[in-house]
Amino acid sequence: MNIPLKVTLSSLLLFSLFVVDPVVAGDEHDHYRPSETNASGDPSQEAMTAAAAKDLVTGKLPGQTAAVGFKHYAGYVTVNKTNGRALFYWFFESLTLPREKPLLLWLNGGN
């Protein structure tokens, strides 16, 4: 990975630690509903596409003069709707062959 890309990604990660709003109880961001599943219980392609479109980060990021040259998505994954618990994620699509690259999800716990 080249140095400018490392600096950009590190800056975005650092930015997200200080600027991201906390999740509040009753956040209505669900990625799919049980009624939007196929026969095997998996989310339908339409539901997944709608959720991805909802989470797509578009335009310029604060402090940047131009839009980035890659797709990235951000949102919350609900883990306990009753108590308003969710985990924030920010996904950066690979610059090369994104459909062929493996995906790693790393979530740190909290209280």
N, C-alpha and C. Protein backbone atom coordinates (compact mmCIF):
# COMPACT_ATOMS: atom_id res chain seq x y z
N MET A 1 0.87 -1.17 0.00
CA MET A 1 0.00 0.00 0.00
C MET A 1 0.91 1.23 0.00
N ASN A 2 0.60 2.20 -0.86
CA ASN A 2 1.47 3.38 -0.94
C ASN A 2 1.24 4.32 0.24
N ILE A 3 2.20 5.17 0.49
CA ILE A 3 2.19 6.07 1.65
C ILE A 3 1.00 7.03 1.63
N PRO A 4 0.69 7.73 0.51
CA PRO A 4 -0.46 8.65 0.53
C PRO A 4 -1.78 7.95 0.88
N LEU A 5 -1.97 6.73 0.39
CA LEU A 5 -3.19 5.99 0.71
C LEU A 5 -3.22 5.63 2.19
N LYS A 6 -2.10 5.21 2.75
CA LYS A 6 -2.04 4.89 4.18
C LYS A 6 -2.37 6.12 5.02
N VAL A 7 -1.83 7.26 4.62
CA VAL A 7 -2.08 8.50 5.36
C VAL A 7 -3.56 8.87 5.29
N THR A 8 -4.15 8.75 4.09
CA THR A 8 -5.57 9.07 3.91
C THR A 8 -6.44 8.16 4.76
N LEU A 9 -6.21 6.85 4.70
CA LEU A 9 -7.03 5.91 5.46
C LEU A 9 -6.84 6.10 6.96
N SER A 10 -5.62 6.35 7.39
CA SER A 10 -5.36 6.60 8.81
C SER A 10 -6.07 7.87 9.27
N SER A 11 -6.04 8.89 8.44
CA SER A 11 -6.72 10.15 8.77
C SER A 11 -8.22 9.95 8.89
N LEU A 12 -8.80 9.17 7.96
CA LEU A 12 -10.24 8.90 8.01
C LEU A 12 -10.61 8.13 9.27
N LEU A 13 -9.79 7.17 9.64
CA LEU A 13 -10.06 6.40 10.86
C LEU A 13 -9.98 7.31 12.08
N LEU A 14 -8.96 8.12 12.16
CA LEU A 14 -8.82 9.05 13.28
C LEU A 14 -9.98 10.03 13.32
N PHE A 15 -10.37 10.53 12.16
CA PHE A 15 -11.51 11.44 12.05
C PHE A 15 -12.77 10.79 12.59
N SER A 16 -12.99 9.51 12.24
CA SER A 16 -14.21 8.82 12.66
C SER A 16 -14.26 8.63 14.18
N LEU A 17 -13.12 8.55 14.82
CA LEU A 17 -13.10 8.36 16.27
C LEU A 17 -13.58 9.59 17.02
N PHE A 18 -13.41 10.77 16.44
CA PHE A 18 -13.73 12.00 17.14
C PHE A 18 -14.98 12.71 16.65
N VAL A 19 -15.47 12.39 15.47
CA VAL A 19 -16.55 13.16 14.89
C VAL A 19 -17.86 12.38 14.79
N VAL A 20 -17.82 11.07 14.81
CA VAL A 20 -19.01 10.26 14.62
C VAL A 20 -19.98 10.44 15.78
N ASP A 21 -21.25 10.65 15.45
CA ASP A 21 -22.27 10.80 16.47
C ASP A 21 -22.56 9.46 17.13
N PRO A 22 -22.81 9.45 18.43
CA PRO A 22 -23.16 8.19 19.09
C PRO A 22 -24.56 7.73 18.68
N VAL A 23 -24.80 6.44 18.76
CA VAL A 23 -26.12 5.91 18.45
C VAL A 23 -27.06 6.24 19.60
N VAL A 24 -28.31 6.51 19.27
CA VAL A 24 -29.30 6.81 20.30
C VAL A 24 -30.37 5.74 20.29
N ALA A 25 -31.03 5.56 21.43
CA ALA A 25 -32.10 4.57 21.52
C ALA A 25 -33.18 4.91 20.51
N GLY A 26 -33.69 3.91 19.86
CA GLY A 26 -34.75 4.12 18.89
C GLY A 26 -34.24 4.45 17.51
N ASP A 27 -32.94 4.34 17.27
CA ASP A 27 -32.41 4.59 15.93
C ASP A 27 -33.10 3.63 14.98
N GLU A 28 -33.67 4.16 13.92
CA GLU A 28 -34.48 3.33 13.03
C GLU A 28 -33.71 2.71 11.89
N HIS A 29 -32.40 2.66 11.98
CA HIS A 29 -31.60 2.12 10.88
C HIS A 29 -31.52 0.60 10.98
N ASP A 30 -32.37 -0.07 10.27
CA ASP A 30 -32.33 -1.53 10.16
C ASP A 30 -31.86 -1.87 8.77
N HIS A 31 -31.02 -2.88 8.64
CA HIS A 31 -30.53 -3.24 7.32
C HIS A 31 -31.54 -4.04 6.51
N TYR A 32 -32.35 -4.80 7.15
CA TYR A 32 -33.45 -5.48 6.48
C TYR A 32 -34.44 -5.94 7.53
N ARG A 33 -35.63 -6.23 7.08
CA ARG A 33 -36.66 -6.72 7.98
C ARG A 33 -36.96 -8.19 7.64
N PRO A 34 -37.43 -8.98 8.60
CA PRO A 34 -37.70 -10.39 8.32
C PRO A 34 -38.62 -10.60 7.12
N SER A 35 -39.53 -9.66 6.85
CA SER A 35 -40.44 -9.82 5.71
C SER A 35 -39.71 -9.66 4.38
N GLU A 36 -38.47 -9.19 4.42
CA GLU A 36 -37.70 -8.98 3.20
C GLU A 36 -36.67 -10.10 2.99
N THR A 37 -37.01 -11.31 3.41
CA THR A 37 -36.09 -12.43 3.25
C THR A 37 -36.59 -13.38 2.17
N ASN A 38 -35.68 -14.19 1.65
CA ASN A 38 -36.08 -15.20 0.67
C ASN A 38 -36.47 -16.48 1.40
N ALA A 39 -36.71 -17.55 0.65
CA ALA A 39 -37.19 -18.80 1.25
C ALA A 39 -36.22 -19.38 2.28
N SER A 40 -34.92 -19.14 2.11
CA SER A 40 -33.95 -19.70 3.04
C SER A 40 -33.71 -18.80 4.26
N GLY A 41 -34.43 -17.65 4.31
CA GLY A 41 -34.29 -16.76 5.45
C GLY A 41 -33.22 -15.70 5.29
N ASP A 42 -32.53 -15.71 4.16
CA ASP A 42 -31.51 -14.69 3.90
C ASP A 42 -32.17 -13.41 3.39
N PRO A 43 -31.54 -12.26 3.62
CA PRO A 43 -32.13 -11.01 3.12
C PRO A 43 -32.19 -11.03 1.60
N SER A 44 -33.25 -10.46 1.05
CA SER A 44 -33.38 -10.41 -0.40
C SER A 44 -32.34 -9.47 -0.98
N GLN A 45 -32.04 -9.66 -2.26
CA GLN A 45 -31.08 -8.79 -2.94
C GLN A 45 -31.57 -7.35 -2.93
N GLU A 46 -32.88 -7.15 -3.09
CA GLU A 46 -33.44 -5.80 -3.09
C GLU A 46 -33.23 -5.12 -1.73
N ALA A 47 -33.45 -5.87 -0.66
CA ALA A 47 -33.27 -5.31 0.68
C ALA A 47 -31.81 -4.95 0.93
N MET A 48 -30.91 -5.82 0.49
CA MET A 48 -29.49 -5.55 0.69
C MET A 48 -29.04 -4.36 -0.15
N THR A 49 -29.53 -4.25 -1.39
CA THR A 49 -29.17 -3.14 -2.25
C THR A 49 -29.69 -1.83 -1.67
N ALA A 50 -30.91 -1.82 -1.15
CA ALA A 50 -31.48 -0.62 -0.54
C ALA A 50 -30.68 -0.21 0.69
N ALA A 51 -30.27 -1.18 1.50
CA ALA A 51 -29.48 -0.88 2.70
C ALA A 51 -28.12 -0.31 2.32
N ALA A 52 -27.50 -0.89 1.28
CA ALA A 52 -26.19 -0.39 0.84
C ALA A 52 -26.31 1.03 0.32
N ALA A 53 -27.35 1.31 -0.46
CA ALA A 53 -27.54 2.66 -0.99
C ALA A 53 -27.74 3.66 0.14
N LYS A 54 -28.44 3.24 1.18
CA LYS A 54 -28.70 4.11 2.33
C LYS A 54 -27.41 4.45 3.08
N ASP A 55 -26.46 3.52 3.10
CA ASP A 55 -25.22 3.69 3.85
C ASP A 55 -24.06 4.25 3.03
N LEU A 56 -24.24 4.40 1.70
CA LEU A 56 -23.18 4.91 0.85
C LEU A 56 -22.82 6.34 1.24
N VAL A 57 -21.55 6.58 1.48
CA VAL A 57 -21.08 7.93 1.81
C VAL A 57 -20.77 8.62 0.49
N THR A 58 -21.42 9.75 0.24
CA THR A 58 -21.23 10.46 -1.03
C THR A 58 -20.69 11.86 -0.78
N GLY A 59 -20.11 12.42 -1.80
CA GLY A 59 -19.60 13.79 -1.71
C GLY A 59 -18.27 13.86 -1.00
N LYS A 60 -17.90 15.07 -0.66
CA LYS A 60 -16.61 15.31 0.00
C LYS A 60 -16.74 15.09 1.51
N LEU A 61 -15.68 14.63 2.10
CA LEU A 61 -15.61 14.49 3.55
C LEU A 61 -15.15 15.81 4.14
N PRO A 62 -15.51 16.10 5.38
CA PRO A 62 -15.07 17.35 6.00
C PRO A 62 -13.55 17.48 5.97
N GLY A 63 -13.09 18.65 5.58
CA GLY A 63 -11.66 18.91 5.53
C GLY A 63 -10.98 18.48 4.24
N GLN A 64 -11.72 17.88 3.32
CA GLN A 64 -11.14 17.47 2.04
C GLN A 64 -11.59 18.42 0.95
N THR A 65 -10.72 18.65 -0.01
CA THR A 65 -11.06 19.55 -1.11
C THR A 65 -11.73 18.83 -2.27
N ALA A 66 -11.61 17.52 -2.32
CA ALA A 66 -12.23 16.75 -3.41
C ALA A 66 -12.78 15.43 -2.86
N ALA A 67 -13.70 14.86 -3.61
CA ALA A 67 -14.26 13.56 -3.22
C ALA A 67 -13.19 12.49 -3.38
N VAL A 68 -13.27 11.44 -2.58
CA VAL A 68 -12.31 10.34 -2.66
C VAL A 68 -12.61 9.49 -3.89
N GLY A 69 -11.64 8.73 -4.34
CA GLY A 69 -11.79 7.93 -5.55
C GLY A 69 -12.19 6.49 -5.29
N PHE A 70 -12.88 6.22 -4.21
CA PHE A 70 -13.32 4.86 -3.90
C PHE A 70 -14.67 4.93 -3.19
N LYS A 71 -15.40 3.82 -3.21
CA LYS A 71 -16.69 3.77 -2.51
C LYS A 71 -16.45 3.44 -1.05
N HIS A 72 -17.22 4.09 -0.19
CA HIS A 72 -17.18 3.73 1.22
C HIS A 72 -18.57 3.90 1.81
N TYR A 73 -18.85 3.07 2.79
CA TYR A 73 -20.17 2.99 3.40
C TYR A 73 -20.02 3.14 4.90
N ALA A 74 -21.00 3.76 5.54
CA ALA A 74 -20.96 3.91 6.99
C ALA A 74 -22.37 3.79 7.54
N GLY A 75 -22.49 3.25 8.72
CA GLY A 75 -23.79 3.11 9.35
C GLY A 75 -23.69 2.35 10.66
N TYR A 76 -24.82 1.88 11.11
CA TYR A 76 -24.89 1.15 12.37
C TYR A 76 -25.44 -0.25 12.13
N VAL A 77 -24.91 -1.21 12.84
CA VAL A 77 -25.43 -2.57 12.86
C VAL A 77 -26.09 -2.75 14.22
N THR A 78 -27.41 -2.93 14.21
CA THR A 78 -28.16 -3.07 15.46
C THR A 78 -27.82 -4.40 16.12
N VAL A 79 -27.48 -4.35 17.40
CA VAL A 79 -27.20 -5.57 18.15
C VAL A 79 -28.21 -5.82 19.25
N ASN A 80 -28.91 -4.77 19.70
CA ASN A 80 -29.96 -4.91 20.70
C ASN A 80 -30.92 -3.73 20.54
N LYS A 81 -31.98 -3.96 19.77
CA LYS A 81 -32.92 -2.88 19.46
C LYS A 81 -33.65 -2.39 20.71
N THR A 82 -33.98 -3.29 21.62
CA THR A 82 -34.71 -2.92 22.84
C THR A 82 -33.94 -1.89 23.66
N ASN A 83 -32.64 -2.09 23.79
CA ASN A 83 -31.81 -1.18 24.59
C ASN A 83 -31.09 -0.12 23.76
N GLY A 84 -31.41 -0.05 22.47
CA GLY A 84 -30.78 0.95 21.61
C GLY A 84 -29.29 0.74 21.41
N ARG A 85 -28.86 -0.52 21.34
CA ARG A 85 -27.44 -0.82 21.19
C ARG A 85 -27.13 -1.11 19.72
N ALA A 86 -26.09 -0.47 19.22
CA ALA A 86 -25.67 -0.69 17.85
C ALA A 86 -24.16 -0.47 17.75
N LEU A 87 -23.57 -1.06 16.74
CA LEU A 87 -22.14 -0.89 16.49
C LEU A 87 -21.98 -0.07 15.21
N PHE A 88 -21.11 0.92 15.25
CA PHE A 88 -20.84 1.74 14.08
C PHE A 88 -19.84 1.01 13.18
N TYR A 89 -20.04 1.11 11.88
CA TYR A 89 -19.05 0.57 10.95
C TYR A 89 -18.76 1.59 9.86
N TRP A 90 -17.58 1.49 9.29
CA TRP A 90 -17.20 2.30 8.14
C TRP A 90 -16.43 1.37 7.22
N PHE A 91 -17.02 1.04 6.09
CA PHE A 91 -16.45 0.08 5.15
C PHE A 91 -15.86 0.81 3.95
N PHE A 92 -14.62 0.49 3.63
CA PHE A 92 -13.94 1.05 2.47
C PHE A 92 -13.78 -0.06 1.43
N GLU A 93 -14.33 0.16 0.25
CA GLU A 93 -14.22 -0.82 -0.82
C GLU A 93 -12.79 -0.81 -1.37
N SER A 94 -12.30 -1.96 -1.74
CA SER A 94 -10.96 -2.08 -2.30
C SER A 94 -10.84 -1.25 -3.57
N LEU A 95 -9.68 -0.66 -3.79
CA LEU A 95 -9.44 0.12 -5.00
C LEU A 95 -9.31 -0.77 -6.23
N THR A 96 -8.84 -2.00 -6.04
CA THR A 96 -8.67 -2.91 -7.17
C THR A 96 -9.43 -4.20 -6.91
N LEU A 97 -10.19 -4.64 -7.88
CA LEU A 97 -10.93 -5.90 -7.83
C LEU A 97 -11.73 -6.07 -6.54
N PRO A 98 -12.62 -5.14 -6.21
CA PRO A 98 -13.33 -5.22 -4.93
C PRO A 98 -14.19 -6.47 -4.77
N ARG A 99 -14.71 -7.02 -5.86
CA ARG A 99 -15.54 -8.24 -5.74
C ARG A 99 -14.72 -9.49 -5.45
N GLU A 100 -13.42 -9.42 -5.67
CA GLU A 100 -12.57 -10.58 -5.47
C GLU A 100 -11.78 -10.53 -4.16
N LYS A 101 -11.76 -9.40 -3.50
CA LYS A 101 -10.97 -9.26 -2.28
C LYS A 101 -11.74 -9.80 -1.07
N PRO A 102 -11.04 -10.40 -0.12
CA PRO A 102 -11.72 -10.88 1.09
C PRO A 102 -12.17 -9.71 1.95
N LEU A 103 -13.15 -9.95 2.78
CA LEU A 103 -13.67 -8.92 3.67
C LEU A 103 -13.40 -9.35 5.11
N LEU A 104 -12.84 -8.44 5.88
CA LEU A 104 -12.57 -8.68 7.29
C LEU A 104 -13.38 -7.69 8.10
N LEU A 105 -14.12 -8.17 9.07
CA LEU A 105 -14.89 -7.31 9.96
C LEU A 105 -14.32 -7.46 11.35
N TRP A 106 -13.85 -6.37 11.91
CA TRP A 106 -13.25 -6.37 13.24
C TRP A 106 -14.03 -5.38 14.09
N LEU A 107 -14.67 -5.85 15.13
CA LEU A 107 -15.43 -4.99 16.03
C LEU A 107 -14.88 -5.13 17.43
N ASN A 108 -14.56 -4.02 18.05
CA ASN A 108 -14.09 -4.03 19.43
C ASN A 108 -15.29 -3.88 20.36
N GLY A 109 -15.25 -4.55 21.47
CA GLY A 109 -16.34 -4.50 22.43
C GLY A 109 -16.32 -3.23 23.27
N GLY A 110 -17.31 -3.10 24.08
CA GLY A 110 -17.42 -1.94 24.96
C GLY A 110 -18.16 -2.34 26.23
N ASN A 111 -18.70 -1.39 26.90
CA ASN A 111 -19.45 -1.66 28.13
C ASN A 111 -20.83 -2.17 27.83
